[in-house]
Amino acid sequence: MGGSVRPLFSVAVPIGYHSGGYKGVPVDGTVEIGYEIAPGFRRRGLAGAAAIALVDRVLGHGEVTRVTAHTPAGDAACGGVLRNAGFSVEARIEDPEHGAIERWVRTRSAN
């Protein structure tokens, strides 16, 4: 990747009530997103807006064709945010540190 694009994939932006960004640079066309919303600001649509903004920005870049995110397995709120952002569960994984987690994926639409 060219140096002018690299910051797009390593940004983490705290804005008082939320933060989010990309976990590293794309590998084989895939990049992972992450975000969090402060407890006092949850249930206002901010997580969904953050997820959609992160996905739209990165899928608009020609190098990325697939975006992943991870949530605690069975977490309806987290799953709902990602489902509404166009993701679907790809796998359930046992993580030694966090227990059962789900890997969600969204791919670029074939237009």
C-alpha atoms as a PDB file:
ATOM      1  CA  MET A   1       0.000   0.000   0.000  1.00  0.00           C
ATOM      2  CA  GLY A   2       1.059   3.534  -0.628  1.00  0.00           C
ATOM      3  CA  GLY A   3       1.986   5.687   2.336  1.00  0.00           C
ATOM      4  CA  SER A   4      -0.861   8.111   1.669  1.00  0.00           C
ATOM      5  CA  VAL A   5      -3.515   5.446   2.336  1.00  0.00           C
ATOM      6  CA  ARG A   6      -2.025   3.581   5.308  1.00  0.00           C
ATOM      7  CA  PRO A   7      -3.505   5.846   8.051  1.00  0.00           C
ATOM      8  CA  LEU A   8      -6.983   4.875   6.889  1.00  0.00           C
ATOM      9  CA  PHE A   9      -6.392   1.388   8.268  1.00  0.00           C
ATOM     10  CA  SER A  10      -4.888   2.231  11.635  1.00  0.00           C
ATOM     11  CA  VAL A  11      -7.123   5.042  12.814  1.00  0.00           C
ATOM     12  CA  ALA A  12      -8.670   5.026  16.270  1.00  0.00           C
ATOM     13  CA  VAL A  13     -10.718   8.122  16.990  1.00  0.00           C
ATOM     14  CA  PRO A  14     -11.942   8.861  20.518  1.00  0.00           C
ATOM     15  CA  ILE A  15     -14.677  11.513  20.400  1.00  0.00           C
ATOM     16  CA  GLY A  16     -15.836  11.618  24.005  1.00  0.00           C
ATOM     17  CA  TYR A  17     -18.611   9.062  23.679  1.00  0.00           C
ATOM     18  CA  HIS A  18     -17.184   6.566  21.206  1.00  0.00           C
ATOM     19  CA  SER A  19     -14.051   5.331  19.500  1.00  0.00           C
ATOM     20  CA  GLY A  20     -13.486   3.132  16.508  1.00  0.00           C
ATOM     21  CA  GLY A  21     -11.111   2.173  13.793  1.00  0.00           C
ATOM     22  CA  TYR A  22      -9.414  -0.553  11.805  1.00  0.00           C
ATOM     23  CA  LYS A  23      -7.236  -3.296  13.230  1.00  0.00           C
ATOM     24  CA  GLY A  24      -4.122  -3.043  11.100  1.00  0.00           C
ATOM     25  CA  VAL A  25      -3.717  -2.957   7.357  1.00  0.00           C
ATOM     26  CA  PRO A  26      -5.699  -5.168   4.964  1.00  0.00           C
ATOM     27  CA  VAL A  27      -4.471  -8.745   4.610  1.00  0.00           C
ATOM     28  CA  ASP A  28      -5.626 -10.565   1.470  1.00  0.00           C
ATOM     29  CA  GLY A  29      -8.339  -7.933   0.975  1.00  0.00           C
ATOM     30  CA  THR A  30      -9.698  -8.267   4.541  1.00  0.00           C
ATOM     31  CA  VAL A  31      -9.662  -5.718   7.354  1.00  0.00           C
ATOM     32  CA  GLU A  32     -11.218  -5.858  10.827  1.00  0.00           C
ATOM     33  CA  ILE A  33     -13.222  -3.030  12.382  1.00  0.00           C
ATOM     34  CA  GLY A  34     -13.718  -2.281  16.039  1.00  0.00           C
ATOM     35  CA  TYR A  35     -15.692   0.353  17.926  1.00  0.00           C
ATOM     36  CA  GLU A  36     -17.064   1.052  21.375  1.00  0.00           C
ATOM     37  CA  ILE A  37     -19.682   3.393  22.761  1.00  0.00           C
ATOM     38  CA  ALA A  38     -19.519   4.852  26.282  1.00  0.00           C
ATOM     39  CA  PRO A  39     -22.268   3.405  28.516  1.00  0.00           C
ATOM     40  CA  GLY A  40     -24.128   6.704  28.878  1.00  0.00           C
ATOM     41  CA  PHE A  41     -24.453   7.050  25.101  1.00  0.00           C
ATOM     42  CA  ARG A  42     -25.618   3.548  24.153  1.00  0.00           C
ATOM     43  CA  ARG A  43     -29.004   2.734  22.557  1.00  0.00           C
ATOM     44  CA  ARG A  44     -28.954   5.922  20.469  1.00  0.00           C
ATOM     45  CA  GLY A  45     -27.886   4.433  17.148  1.00  0.00           C
ATOM     46  CA  LEU A  46     -24.269   5.524  17.532  1.00  0.00           C
ATOM     47  CA  ALA A  47     -22.780   2.017  17.301  1.00  0.00           C
ATOM     48  CA  GLY A  48     -24.681   1.363  14.086  1.00  0.00           C
ATOM     49  CA  ALA A  49     -23.637   4.695  12.628  1.00  0.00           C
ATOM     50  CA  ALA A  50     -20.008   4.018  13.567  1.00  0.00           C
ATOM     51  CA  ALA A  51     -20.027   0.512  12.071  1.00  0.00           C
ATOM     52  CA  ILE A  52     -21.649   1.688   8.833  1.00  0.00           C
ATOM     53  CA  ALA A  53     -19.257   4.634   8.497  1.00  0.00           C
ATOM     54  CA  LEU A  54     -16.204   2.413   9.061  1.00  0.00           C
ATOM     55  CA  VAL A  55     -17.432  -0.183   6.555  1.00  0.00           C
ATOM     56  CA  ASP A  56     -18.481   2.313   3.879  1.00  0.00           C
ATOM     57  CA  ARG A  57     -15.159   4.114   4.113  1.00  0.00           C
ATOM     58  CA  VAL A  58     -13.002   1.025   3.878  1.00  0.00           C
ATOM     59  CA  LEU A  59     -15.054  -0.817   1.218  1.00  0.00           C
ATOM     60  CA  GLY A  60     -14.786   2.316  -0.906  1.00  0.00           C
ATOM     61  CA  HIS A  61     -11.064   1.643  -1.088  1.00  0.00           C
ATOM     62  CA  GLY A  62     -10.183  -0.718  -3.926  1.00  0.00           C
ATOM     63  CA  GLU A  63      -7.861  -2.897  -1.859  1.00  0.00           C
ATOM     64  CA  VAL A  64     -10.516  -4.099   0.607  1.00  0.00           C
ATOM     65  CA  THR A  65     -13.228  -6.583  -0.382  1.00  0.00           C
ATOM     66  CA  ARG A  66     -14.097  -8.061   3.018  1.00  0.00           C
ATOM     67  CA  VAL A  67     -14.626  -6.551   6.480  1.00  0.00           C
ATOM     68  CA  THR A  68     -14.741  -8.559   9.710  1.00  0.00           C
ATOM     69  CA  ALA A  69     -15.766  -7.795  13.292  1.00  0.00           C
ATOM     70  CA  HIS A  70     -15.871  -9.908  16.454  1.00  0.00           C
ATOM     71  CA  THR A  71     -18.481  -9.944  19.226  1.00  0.00           C
ATOM     72  CA  PRO A  72     -19.181 -12.036  22.313  1.00  0.00           C
ATOM     73  CA  ALA A  73     -21.198 -15.073  21.171  1.00  0.00           C
ATOM     74  CA  GLY A  74     -24.909 -14.594  21.658  1.00  0.00           C
ATOM     75  CA  ASP A  75     -24.711 -10.856  22.425  1.00  0.00           C
ATOM     76  CA  ALA A  76     -27.986  -9.686  20.850  1.00  0.00           C
ATOM     77  CA  ALA A  77     -27.137  -5.969  20.994  1.00  0.00           C
ATOM     78  CA  CYS A  78     -23.737  -6.341  19.329  1.00  0.00           C
ATOM     79  CA  GLY A  79     -25.105  -8.798  16.802  1.00  0.00           C
ATOM     80  CA  GLY A  80     -28.003  -6.497  15.980  1.00  0.00           C
ATOM     81  CA  VAL A  81     -25.648  -3.606  15.247  1.00  0.00           C
ATOM     82  CA  LEU A  82     -23.599  -5.700  12.840  1.00  0.00           C
ATOM     83  CA  ARG A  83     -26.627  -7.369  11.229  1.00  0.00           C
ATOM     84  CA  ASN A  84     -28.119  -3.925  10.549  1.00  0.00           C
ATOM     85  CA  ALA A  85     -24.801  -2.872   9.020  1.00  0.00           C
ATOM     86  CA  GLY A  86     -24.990  -5.757   6.530  1.00  0.00           C
ATOM     87  CA  PHE A  87     -22.822  -8.330   8.336  1.00  0.00           C
ATOM     88  CA  SER A  88     -23.560 -12.013   8.877  1.00  0.00           C
ATOM     89  CA  VAL A  89     -21.996 -14.541  11.249  1.00  0.00           C
ATOM     90  CA  GLU A  90     -19.188 -16.452   9.580  1.00  0.00           C
ATOM     91  CA  ALA A  91     -17.931 -18.538  12.512  1.00  0.00           C
ATOM     92  CA  ARG A  92     -18.114 -19.146  16.235  1.00  0.00           C
ATOM     93  CA  ILE A  93     -14.677 -19.320  17.827  1.00  0.00           C
ATOM     94  CA  GLU A  94     -13.466 -20.332  21.295  1.00  0.00           C
ATOM     95  CA  ASP A  95     -10.967 -17.721  22.407  1.00  0.00           C
ATOM     96  CA  PRO A  96      -8.820 -18.717  25.402  1.00  0.00           C
ATOM     97  CA  GLU A  97      -8.991 -15.196  26.851  1.00  0.00           C
ATOM     98  CA  HIS A  98     -12.553 -14.107  25.972  1.00  0.00           C
ATOM     99  CA  GLY A  99     -14.481 -17.362  25.677  1.00  0.00           C
ATOM    100  CA  ALA A 100     -16.950 -17.894  22.840  1.00  0.00           C
ATOM    101  CA  ILE A 101     -16.901 -15.161  20.204  1.00  0.00           C
ATOM    102  CA  GLU A 102     -18.517 -14.771  16.812  1.00  0.00           C
ATOM    103  CA  ARG A 103     -16.716 -13.579  13.709  1.00  0.00           C
ATOM    104  CA  TRP A 104     -18.976 -11.455  11.528  1.00  0.00           C
ATOM    105  CA  VAL A 105     -18.251 -10.645   7.896  1.00  0.00           C
ATOM    106  CA  ARG A 106     -19.457  -8.239   5.240  1.00  0.00           C
ATOM    107  CA  THR A 107     -18.191  -8.270   1.674  1.00  0.00           C
ATOM    108  CA  ARG A 108     -18.247  -5.663  -1.034  1.00  0.00           C
ATOM    109  CA  SER A 109     -21.373  -5.916  -3.171  1.00  0.00           C
ATOM    110  CA  ALA A 110     -20.830  -7.177  -6.693  1.00  0.00           C
ATOM    111  CA  ASN A 111     -22.089  -4.229  -8.752  1.00  0.00           C
END
